[in-house]
Every structure is written in C-alpha cells, then in structure tokens.
Amino acid sequence: MYLSKEVKADIFKKHGGDAKNTGSTEGQIALFTYRIEHLSQHLKKNRKDFNTERSLVKLVGKRRSLLDYLIKTDIVRYREIIKELGIRK
C-alpha cells in the first residue's frame, strides 16, 4: 500500500507538529497533497480510470476548502504551508 502508517505519521509529524495530531489543518492539507500527487501519477498511466479521476477531483475540493478555512483564520500559516508544499506555482 502506498500510504502506510509510518508515512502518515511522518506527514503529520512534519506538518502537524505531532504524529498523533491528525486533525490539524496543515497536516490534513499535507496528507491530501500527498494523495493528490499519487493519484495524479496513477492517472498519467491509466487515462481512462474515471473512478480515480472522480476521487482526485473530490480530494482537490477538500484541500481547497481546508485552504480557504486556513486563509480566513490565519494567513501566515496559509502562506507557510503553501510555500512548504509547493502547491502554488
């Protein structure tokens, strides 16, 4: 499986502050970004996998809503997570 417990723990430790802090906004955004990158690579190989494409669109929407929440509450944290994950080009 591409997303093991150790990988998740590393993501939350790096972006959420603690491996057990799975509810932090930054940790969730980082996890969604990791999953989006994985699904994007899958879709490059499998163009006609429409179920995966739908899942990808839903994940992007969830990440967008979390980013909108973060920009409303704390713009400094928003700018840091955007720069750290390289979401905006």
Protein backbone atom coordinates (compact mmCIF):
# COMPACT_ATOMS: atom_id res chain seq x y z
CA MET A 1 0.00 0.00 0.00
CA TYR A 2 1.30 3.42 -0.89
CA LEU A 3 0.21 5.10 2.35
CA SER A 4 1.41 3.11 5.34
CA LYS A 5 1.08 4.10 8.99
CA GLU A 6 4.71 5.23 9.04
CA VAL A 7 4.26 7.53 6.04
CA LYS A 8 1.15 9.07 7.59
CA ALA A 9 2.93 9.54 10.91
CA ASP A 10 5.84 11.26 9.13
CA ILE A 11 3.49 13.61 7.28
CA PHE A 12 1.65 14.60 10.44
CA LYS A 13 4.87 14.89 12.42
CA LYS A 14 6.39 17.22 9.84
CA HIS A 15 3.34 19.39 9.16
CA GLY A 16 1.01 18.87 12.13
CA GLY A 17 3.54 19.22 14.91
CA ASP A 18 2.99 15.73 16.33
CA ALA A 19 2.40 12.31 14.79
CA LYS A 20 -0.82 11.93 16.79
CA ASN A 21 -2.18 15.35 15.84
CA THR A 22 -4.08 14.06 12.81
CA GLY A 23 -6.76 16.74 12.96
CA SER A 24 -4.55 19.74 12.35
CA THR A 25 -5.39 21.71 9.25
CA GLU A 26 -1.81 21.76 7.99
CA GLY A 27 -1.46 18.01 8.48
CA GLN A 28 -4.67 17.32 6.60
CA ILE A 29 -3.61 19.58 3.73
CA ALA A 30 -0.22 17.84 3.55
CA LEU A 31 -1.89 14.41 3.56
CA PHE A 32 -4.31 15.44 0.80
CA THR A 33 -1.42 16.83 -1.23
CA TYR A 34 0.48 13.55 -0.91
CA ARG A 35 -2.59 11.59 -2.02
CA ILE A 36 -3.28 14.01 -4.90
CA GLU A 37 0.26 13.59 -6.21
CA HIS A 38 -0.07 9.81 -6.02
CA LEU A 39 -3.40 9.79 -7.86
CA SER A 40 -2.06 12.18 -10.49
CA GLN A 41 0.80 9.80 -11.24
CA HIS A 42 -1.67 6.93 -11.47
CA LEU A 43 -3.87 8.84 -13.92
CA LYS A 44 -0.90 9.62 -16.16
CA LYS A 45 -0.52 5.88 -16.73
CA ASN A 46 -4.23 5.00 -16.70
CA ARG A 47 -6.07 7.71 -18.61
CA LYS A 48 -9.45 6.01 -18.63
CA ASP A 49 -9.70 5.31 -14.90
CA PHE A 50 -12.68 7.56 -14.28
CA ASN A 51 -13.29 6.44 -10.70
CA THR A 52 -9.81 7.56 -9.73
CA GLU A 53 -10.34 10.81 -11.61
CA ARG A 54 -13.50 11.46 -9.62
CA SER A 55 -11.69 10.71 -6.37
CA LEU A 56 -8.93 13.10 -7.37
CA VAL A 57 -11.41 15.90 -8.04
CA LYS A 58 -13.07 15.32 -4.67
CA LEU A 59 -9.70 15.41 -2.88
CA VAL A 60 -8.74 18.64 -4.60
CA GLY A 61 -12.05 20.15 -3.47
CA LYS A 62 -11.49 19.06 0.12
CA ARG A 63 -7.99 20.51 0.10
CA ARG A 64 -9.31 23.74 -1.39
CA SER A 65 -11.91 24.08 1.36
CA LEU A 66 -9.26 23.50 4.04
CA LEU A 67 -7.03 26.10 2.41
CA ASP A 68 -9.95 28.55 2.33
CA TYR A 69 -10.54 27.93 6.02
CA LEU A 70 -6.87 28.46 6.79
CA ILE A 71 -6.67 31.70 4.82
CA LYS A 72 -9.66 33.06 6.77
CA THR A 73 -8.29 32.11 10.17
CA ASP A 74 -4.51 32.62 9.87
CA ILE A 75 -2.94 33.94 6.67
CA VAL A 76 0.62 33.45 7.95
CA ARG A 77 0.10 29.70 8.42
CA TYR A 78 -1.57 29.60 4.99
CA ARG A 79 1.44 31.19 3.30
CA GLU A 80 3.84 28.86 5.13
CA ILE A 81 2.00 25.68 4.13
CA ILE A 82 1.67 26.84 0.51
CA LYS A 83 5.39 27.53 0.31
CA GLU A 84 6.35 24.34 2.12
CA LEU A 85 4.22 22.04 -0.05
CA GLY A 86 4.77 23.94 -3.27
CA ILE A 87 1.08 23.98 -4.12
CA ARG A 88 1.02 27.30 -5.97
CA LYS A 89 3.25 27.78 -8.96
